[in-house]
Amino acid sequence: LQVPREHPFTMHTVGGQTMAVFSQSDT
């Protein structure tokens, strides 16, 4: 039993939104 390998992307616009990605370290 295997999961699918291929995964095409469906692209979307940001739509005028301001979004950011943050990370948090061990400290």
PDB file of all heavy atoms in Angstrom:
ATOM      1  N   LEU A   1       0.843  -1.192   0.000  1.00  0.00           N
ATOM      2  CA  LEU A   1       0.000   0.000   0.000  1.00  0.00           C
ATOM      3  C   LEU A   1       0.881   1.245   0.000  1.00  0.00           C
ATOM      4  O   LEU A   1       1.692   1.438   0.898  1.00  0.00           O
ATOM      5  CB  LEU A   1      -0.913  -0.005   1.223  1.00  0.00           C
ATOM      6  CG  LEU A   1      -2.067   0.992   1.223  1.00  0.00           C
ATOM      7  CD1 LEU A   1      -2.968   0.771   0.010  1.00  0.00           C
ATOM      8  CD2 LEU A   1      -2.869   0.875   2.490  1.00  0.00           C
ATOM      9  N   GLN A   2       0.709   2.079  -1.030  1.00  0.00           N
ATOM     10  CA  GLN A   2       1.549   3.271  -1.178  1.00  0.00           C
ATOM     11  C   GLN A   2       0.706   4.518  -1.376  1.00  0.00           C
ATOM     12  O   GLN A   2      -0.415   4.452  -1.882  1.00  0.00           O
ATOM     13  CB  GLN A   2       2.495   3.097  -2.385  1.00  0.00           C
ATOM     14  CG  GLN A   2       3.506   1.967  -2.235  1.00  0.00           C
ATOM     15  CD  GLN A   2       4.445   1.893  -3.419  1.00  0.00           C
ATOM     16  OE1 GLN A   2       4.063   2.188  -4.553  1.00  0.00           O
ATOM     17  NE2 GLN A   2       5.683   1.522  -3.171  1.00  0.00           N
ATOM     18  N   VAL A   3       1.278   5.642  -0.965  1.00  0.00           N
ATOM     19  CA  VAL A   3       0.603   6.922  -1.180  1.00  0.00           C
ATOM     20  C   VAL A   3       0.989   7.439  -2.564  1.00  0.00           C
ATOM     21  O   VAL A   3       2.030   7.042  -3.116  1.00  0.00           O
ATOM     22  CB  VAL A   3       1.000   7.955  -0.104  1.00  0.00           C
ATOM     23  CG1 VAL A   3       0.608   7.464   1.274  1.00  0.00           C
ATOM     24  CG2 VAL A   3       2.496   8.251  -0.149  1.00  0.00           C
ATOM     25  N   PRO A   4       0.206   8.321  -3.160  1.00  0.00           N
ATOM     26  CA  PRO A   4       0.547   8.871  -4.472  1.00  0.00           C
ATOM     27  C   PRO A   4       1.880   9.618  -4.431  1.00  0.00           C
ATOM     28  O   PRO A   4       2.206  10.266  -3.437  1.00  0.00           O
ATOM     29  CB  PRO A   4      -0.618   9.824  -4.761  1.00  0.00           C
ATOM     30  CG  PRO A   4      -1.739   9.340  -3.901  1.00  0.00           C
ATOM     31  CD  PRO A   4      -1.093   8.805  -2.670  1.00  0.00           C
ATOM     32  N   ARG A   5       2.626   9.532  -5.500  1.00  0.00           N
ATOM     33  CA  ARG A   5       3.910  10.242  -5.569  1.00  0.00           C
ATOM     34  C   ARG A   5       3.743  11.636  -6.160  1.00  0.00           C
ATOM     35  O   ARG A   5       4.320  12.606  -5.671  1.00  0.00           O
ATOM     36  CB  ARG A   5       4.912   9.459  -6.429  1.00  0.00           C
ATOM     37  CG  ARG A   5       5.514   8.239  -5.755  1.00  0.00           C
ATOM     38  CD  ARG A   5       6.755   7.778  -6.504  1.00  0.00           C
ATOM     39  NE  ARG A   5       7.831   8.755  -6.396  1.00  0.00           N
ATOM     40  CZ  ARG A   5       8.972   8.705  -7.086  1.00  0.00           C
ATOM     41  NH1 ARG A   5       9.165   7.713  -7.949  1.00  0.00           N
ATOM     42  NH2 ARG A   5       9.910   9.612  -6.920  1.00  0.00           N
ATOM     43  N   GLU A   6       2.955  11.742  -7.225  1.00  0.00           N
ATOM     44  CA  GLU A   6       2.854  13.005  -7.950  1.00  0.00           C
ATOM     45  C   GLU A   6       1.746  13.890  -7.394  1.00  0.00           C
ATOM     46  O   GLU A   6       0.618  13.435  -7.190  1.00  0.00           O
ATOM     47  CB  GLU A   6       2.602  12.739  -9.446  1.00  0.00           C
ATOM     48  CG  GLU A   6       3.680  11.873 -10.090  1.00  0.00           C
ATOM     49  CD  GLU A   6       5.086  12.468  -9.940  1.00  0.00           C
ATOM     50  OE1 GLU A   6       5.211  13.702 -10.007  1.00  0.00           O
ATOM     51  OE2 GLU A   6       6.041  11.694  -9.755  1.00  0.00           O
ATOM     52  N   HIS A   7       2.099  15.158  -7.170  1.00  0.00           N
ATOM     53  CA  HIS A   7       1.151  16.117  -6.609  1.00  0.00           C
ATOM     54  C   HIS A   7       1.277  17.464  -7.349  1.00  0.00           C
ATOM     55  O   HIS A   7       2.119  18.289  -6.993  1.00  0.00           O
ATOM     56  CB  HIS A   7       1.413  16.337  -5.119  1.00  0.00           C
ATOM     57  CG  HIS A   7       1.208  15.132  -4.279  1.00  0.00           C
ATOM     58  ND1 HIS A   7       2.111  14.086  -4.237  1.00  0.00           N
ATOM     59  CD2 HIS A   7       0.185  14.786  -3.454  1.00  0.00           C
ATOM     60  CE1 HIS A   7       1.670  13.160  -3.417  1.00  0.00           C
ATOM     61  NE2 HIS A   7       0.505  13.560  -2.922  1.00  0.00           N
ATOM     62  N   PRO A   8       0.463  17.698  -8.360  1.00  0.00           N
ATOM     63  CA  PRO A   8       0.490  18.996  -9.027  1.00  0.00           C
ATOM     64  C   PRO A   8      -0.055  20.102  -8.126  1.00  0.00           C
ATOM     65  O   PRO A   8      -0.907  19.843  -7.269  1.00  0.00           O
ATOM     66  CB  PRO A   8      -0.411  18.786 -10.257  1.00  0.00           C
ATOM     67  CG  PRO A   8      -1.204  17.571  -9.967  1.00  0.00           C
ATOM     68  CD  PRO A   8      -0.457  16.751  -8.992  1.00  0.00           C
ATOM     69  N   PHE A   9       0.454  21.315  -8.310  1.00  0.00           N
ATOM     70  CA  PHE A   9       0.020  22.457  -7.515  1.00  0.00           C
ATOM     71  C   PHE A   9      -1.130  23.177  -8.216  1.00  0.00           C
ATOM     72  O   PHE A   9      -1.139  23.324  -9.428  1.00  0.00           O
ATOM     73  CB  PHE A   9       1.167  23.461  -7.330  1.00  0.00           C
ATOM     74  CG  PHE A   9       2.141  23.086  -6.247  1.00  0.00           C
ATOM     75  CD1 PHE A   9       2.278  21.777  -5.814  1.00  0.00           C
ATOM     76  CD2 PHE A   9       2.940  24.053  -5.652  1.00  0.00           C
ATOM     77  CE1 PHE A   9       3.189  21.437  -4.833  1.00  0.00           C
ATOM     78  CE2 PHE A   9       3.862  23.727  -4.668  1.00  0.00           C
ATOM     79  CZ  PHE A   9       3.981  22.413  -4.254  1.00  0.00           C
ATOM     80  N   THR A  10      -2.086  23.622  -7.422  1.00  0.00           N
ATOM     81  CA  THR A  10      -3.113  24.547  -7.907  1.00  0.00           C
ATOM     82  C   THR A  10      -2.756  25.913  -7.342  1.00  0.00           C
ATOM     83  O   THR A  10      -2.804  26.115  -6.122  1.00  0.00           O
ATOM     84  CB  THR A  10      -4.516  24.118  -7.432  1.00  0.00           C
ATOM     85  OG1 THR A  10      -4.807  22.810  -7.926  1.00  0.00           O
ATOM     86  CG2 THR A  10      -5.571  25.090  -7.949  1.00  0.00           C
ATOM     87  N   MET A  11      -2.396  26.827  -8.217  1.00  0.00           N
ATOM     88  CA  MET A  11      -1.880  28.111  -7.766  1.00  0.00           C
ATOM     89  C   MET A  11      -3.009  29.105  -7.483  1.00  0.00           C
ATOM     90  O   MET A  11      -4.045  29.099  -8.147  1.00  0.00           O
ATOM     91  CB  MET A  11      -0.939  28.695  -8.825  1.00  0.00           C
ATOM     92  CG  MET A  11       0.224  27.786  -9.194  1.00  0.00           C
ATOM     93  SD  MET A  11       1.300  27.391  -7.791  1.00  0.00           S
ATOM     94  CE  MET A  11       1.925  29.028  -7.374  1.00  0.00           C
ATOM     95  N   HIS A  12      -2.795  29.947  -6.479  1.00  0.00           N
ATOM     96  CA  HIS A  12      -3.740  31.012  -6.120  1.00  0.00           C
ATOM     97  C   HIS A  12      -2.976  32.319  -5.940  1.00  0.00           C
ATOM     98  O   HIS A  12      -1.791  32.314  -5.576  1.00  0.00           O
ATOM     99  CB  HIS A  12      -4.464  30.679  -4.809  1.00  0.00           C
ATOM    100  CG  HIS A  12      -5.221  29.385  -4.839  1.00  0.00           C
ATOM    101  ND1 HIS A  12      -6.398  29.225  -5.517  1.00  0.00           N
ATOM    102  CD2 HIS A  12      -4.941  28.174  -4.273  1.00  0.00           C
ATOM    103  CE1 HIS A  12      -6.832  27.975  -5.365  1.00  0.00           C
ATOM    104  NE2 HIS A  12      -5.952  27.322  -4.611  1.00  0.00           N
ATOM    105  N   THR A  13      -3.669  33.397  -6.158  1.00  0.00           N
ATOM    106  CA  THR A  13      -3.035  34.705  -5.934  1.00  0.00           C
ATOM    107  C   THR A  13      -3.074  35.029  -4.444  1.00  0.00           C
ATOM    108  O   THR A  13      -3.915  34.519  -3.702  1.00  0.00           O
ATOM    109  CB  THR A  13      -3.773  35.808  -6.703  1.00  0.00           C
ATOM    110  OG1 THR A  13      -5.137  35.863  -6.240  1.00  0.00           O
ATOM    111  CG2 THR A  13      -3.761  35.537  -8.204  1.00  0.00           C
ATOM    112  N   VAL A  14      -2.177  35.878  -4.023  1.00  0.00           N
ATOM    113  CA  VAL A  14      -2.152  36.314  -2.627  1.00  0.00           C
ATOM    114  C   VAL A  14      -3.359  37.196  -2.346  1.00  0.00           C
ATOM    115  O   VAL A  14      -3.840  37.292  -1.212  1.00  0.00           O
ATOM    116  CB  VAL A  14      -0.832  37.050  -2.314  1.00  0.00           C
ATOM    117  CG1 VAL A  14      -0.818  37.552  -0.884  1.00  0.00           C
ATOM    118  CG2 VAL A  14       0.348  36.123  -2.555  1.00  0.00           C
ATOM    119  N   GLY A  15      -3.877  37.819  -3.393  1.00  0.00           N
ATOM    120  CA  GLY A  15      -5.113  38.586  -3.274  1.00  0.00           C
ATOM    121  C   GLY A  15      -5.008  39.850  -2.466  1.00  0.00           C
ATOM    122  O   GLY A  15      -5.940  40.219  -1.743  1.00  0.00           O
ATOM    123  N   GLY A  16      -3.888  40.541  -2.561  1.00  0.00           N
ATOM    124  CA  GLY A  16      -3.732  41.808  -1.853  1.00  0.00           C
ATOM    125  C   GLY A  16      -3.513  41.661  -0.367  1.00  0.00           C
ATOM    126  O   GLY A  16      -3.412  42.657   0.354  1.00  0.00           O
ATOM    127  N   GLN A  17      -3.435  40.427   0.117  1.00  0.00           N
ATOM    128  CA  GLN A  17      -3.199  40.199   1.543  1.00  0.00           C
ATOM    129  C   GLN A  17      -1.703  40.269   1.846  1.00  0.00           C
ATOM    130  O   GLN A  17      -0.869  39.950   1.004  1.00  0.00           O
ATOM    131  CB  GLN A  17      -3.717  38.831   1.961  1.00  0.00           C
ATOM    132  CG  GLN A  17      -5.226  38.679   1.901  1.00  0.00           C
ATOM    133  CD  GLN A  17      -5.650  37.277   2.280  1.00  0.00           C
ATOM    134  OE1 GLN A  17      -5.309  36.308   1.616  1.00  0.00           O
ATOM    135  NE2 GLN A  17      -6.403  37.159   3.363  1.00  0.00           N
ATOM    136  N   THR A  18      -1.394  40.689   3.050  1.00  0.00           N
ATOM    137  CA  THR A  18      -0.006  40.701   3.504  1.00  0.00           C
ATOM    138  C   THR A  18       0.165  39.570   4.507  1.00  0.00           C
ATOM    139  O   THR A  18      -0.386  39.603   5.608  1.00  0.00           O
ATOM    140  CB  THR A  18       0.361  42.046   4.162  1.00  0.00           C
ATOM    141  OG1 THR A  18       0.146  43.097   3.221  1.00  0.00           O
ATOM    142  CG2 THR A  18       1.812  42.057   4.610  1.00  0.00           C
ATOM    143  N   MET A  19       0.914  38.531   4.093  1.00  0.00           N
ATOM    144  CA  MET A  19       1.125  37.372   4.956  1.00  0.00           C
ATOM    145  C   MET A  19       2.612  37.096   5.100  1.00  0.00           C
ATOM    146  O   MET A  19       3.393  37.356   4.168  1.00  0.00           O
ATOM    147  CB  MET A  19       0.419  36.143   4.374  1.00  0.00           C
ATOM    148  CG  MET A  19      -1.095  36.257   4.358  1.00  0.00           C
ATOM    149  SD  MET A  19      -1.908  34.763   3.721  1.00  0.00           S
ATOM    150  CE  MET A  19      -1.549  34.943   1.973  1.00  0.00           C
ATOM    151  N   ALA A  20       2.976  36.578   6.246  1.00  0.00           N
ATOM    152  CA  ALA A  20       4.385  36.295   6.518  1.00  0.00           C
ATOM    153  C   ALA A  20       4.518  34.945   7.205  1.00  0.00           C
ATOM    154  O   ALA A  20       3.570  34.428   7.791  1.00  0.00           O
ATOM    155  CB  ALA A  20       4.988  37.387   7.398  1.00  0.00           C
ATOM    156  N   VAL A  21       5.728  34.378   7.127  1.00  0.00           N
ATOM    157  CA  VAL A  21       6.022  33.095   7.777  1.00  0.00           C
ATOM    158  C   VAL A  21       7.055  33.325   8.868  1.00  0.00           C
ATOM    159  O   VAL A  21       8.120  33.899   8.618  1.00  0.00           O
ATOM    160  CB  VAL A  21       6.555  32.062   6.755  1.00  0.00           C
ATOM    161  CG1 VAL A  21       6.967  30.782   7.471  1.00  0.00           C
ATOM    162  CG2 VAL A  21       5.490  31.755   5.700  1.00  0.00           C
ATOM    163  N   PHE A  22       6.714  32.862  10.092  1.00  0.00           N
ATOM    164  CA  PHE A  22       7.616  33.006  11.235  1.00  0.00           C
ATOM    165  C   PHE A  22       8.077  31.626  11.693  1.00  0.00           C
ATOM    166  O   PHE A  22       7.403  30.619  11.471  1.00  0.00           O
ATOM    167  CB  PHE A  22       6.906  33.706  12.401  1.00  0.00           C
ATOM    168  CG  PHE A  22       6.523  35.135  12.132  1.00  0.00           C
ATOM    169  CD1 PHE A  22       5.323  35.451  11.521  1.00  0.00           C
ATOM    170  CD2 PHE A  22       7.385  36.166  12.485  1.00  0.00           C
ATOM    171  CE1 PHE A  22       4.959  36.765  11.270  1.00  0.00           C
ATOM    172  CE2 PHE A  22       7.036  37.484  12.248  1.00  0.00           C
ATOM    173  CZ  PHE A  22       5.823  37.783  11.631  1.00  0.00           C
ATOM    174  N   SER A  23       9.220  31.573  12.328  1.00  0.00           N
ATOM    175  CA  SER A  23       9.730  30.332  12.917  1.00  0.00           C
ATOM    176  C   SER A  23      10.156  30.615  14.349  1.00  0.00           C
ATOM    177  O   SER A  23      10.419  31.761  14.723  1.00  0.00           O
ATOM    178  CB  SER A  23      10.915  29.797  12.102  1.00  0.00           C
ATOM    179  OG  SER A  23      12.011  30.702  12.155  1.00  0.00           O
ATOM    180  N   GLN A  24      10.201  29.555  15.156  1.00  0.00           N
ATOM    181  CA  GLN A  24      10.605  29.695  16.547  1.00  0.00           C
ATOM    182  C   GLN A  24      11.668  28.656  16.862  1.00  0.00           C
ATOM    183  O   GLN A  24      11.481  27.469  16.634  1.00  0.00           O
ATOM    184  CB  GLN A  24       9.394  29.518  17.475  1.00  0.00           C
ATOM    185  CG  GLN A  24       9.704  29.841  18.935  1.00  0.00           C
ATOM    186  CD  GLN A  24       8.437  29.876  19.783  1.00  0.00           C
ATOM    187  OE1 GLN A  24       7.379  29.443  19.343  1.00  0.00           O
ATOM    188  NE2 GLN A  24       8.548  30.389  21.000  1.00  0.00           N
ATOM    189  N   SER A  25      12.786  29.100  17.366  1.00  0.00           N
ATOM    190  CA  SER A  25      13.912  28.210  17.655  1.00  0.00           C
ATOM    191  C   SER A  25      13.735  27.533  19.011  1.00  0.00           C
ATOM    192  O   SER A  25      12.793  27.825  19.748  1.00  0.00           O
ATOM    193  CB  SER A  25      15.222  29.000  17.644  1.00  0.00           C
ATOM    194  OG  SER A  25      15.235  29.913  18.729  1.00  0.00           O
ATOM    195  N   ASP A  26      14.678  26.636  19.322  1.00  0.00           N
ATOM    196  CA  ASP A  26      14.636  25.943  20.615  1.00  0.00           C
ATOM    197  C   ASP A  26      14.796  26.909  21.777  1.00  0.00           C
ATOM    198  O   ASP A  26      14.390  26.615  22.900  1.00  0.00           O
ATOM    199  CB  ASP A  26      15.732  24.870  20.672  1.00  0.00           C
ATOM    200  CG  ASP A  26      15.499  23.772  19.644  1.00  0.00           C
ATOM    201  OD1 ASP A  26      14.328  23.585  19.246  1.00  0.00           O
ATOM    202  OD2 ASP A  26      16.474  23.122  19.227  1.00  0.00           O
ATOM    203  N   THR A  27      15.423  28.050  21.493  1.00  0.00           N
ATOM    204  CA  THR A  27      15.635  29.050  22.557  1.00  0.00           C
ATOM    205  C   THR A  27      14.514  30.082  22.572  1.00  0.00           C
ATOM    206  O   THR A  27      14.655  31.161  23.161  1.00  0.00           O
ATOM    207  CB  THR A  27      16.984  29.758  22.344  1.00  0.00           C
ATOM    208  OG1 THR A  27      16.996  30.368  21.046  1.00  0.00           O
ATOM    209  CG2 THR A  27      18.139  28.774  22.451  1.00  0.00           C
TER     210      THR A  27
END
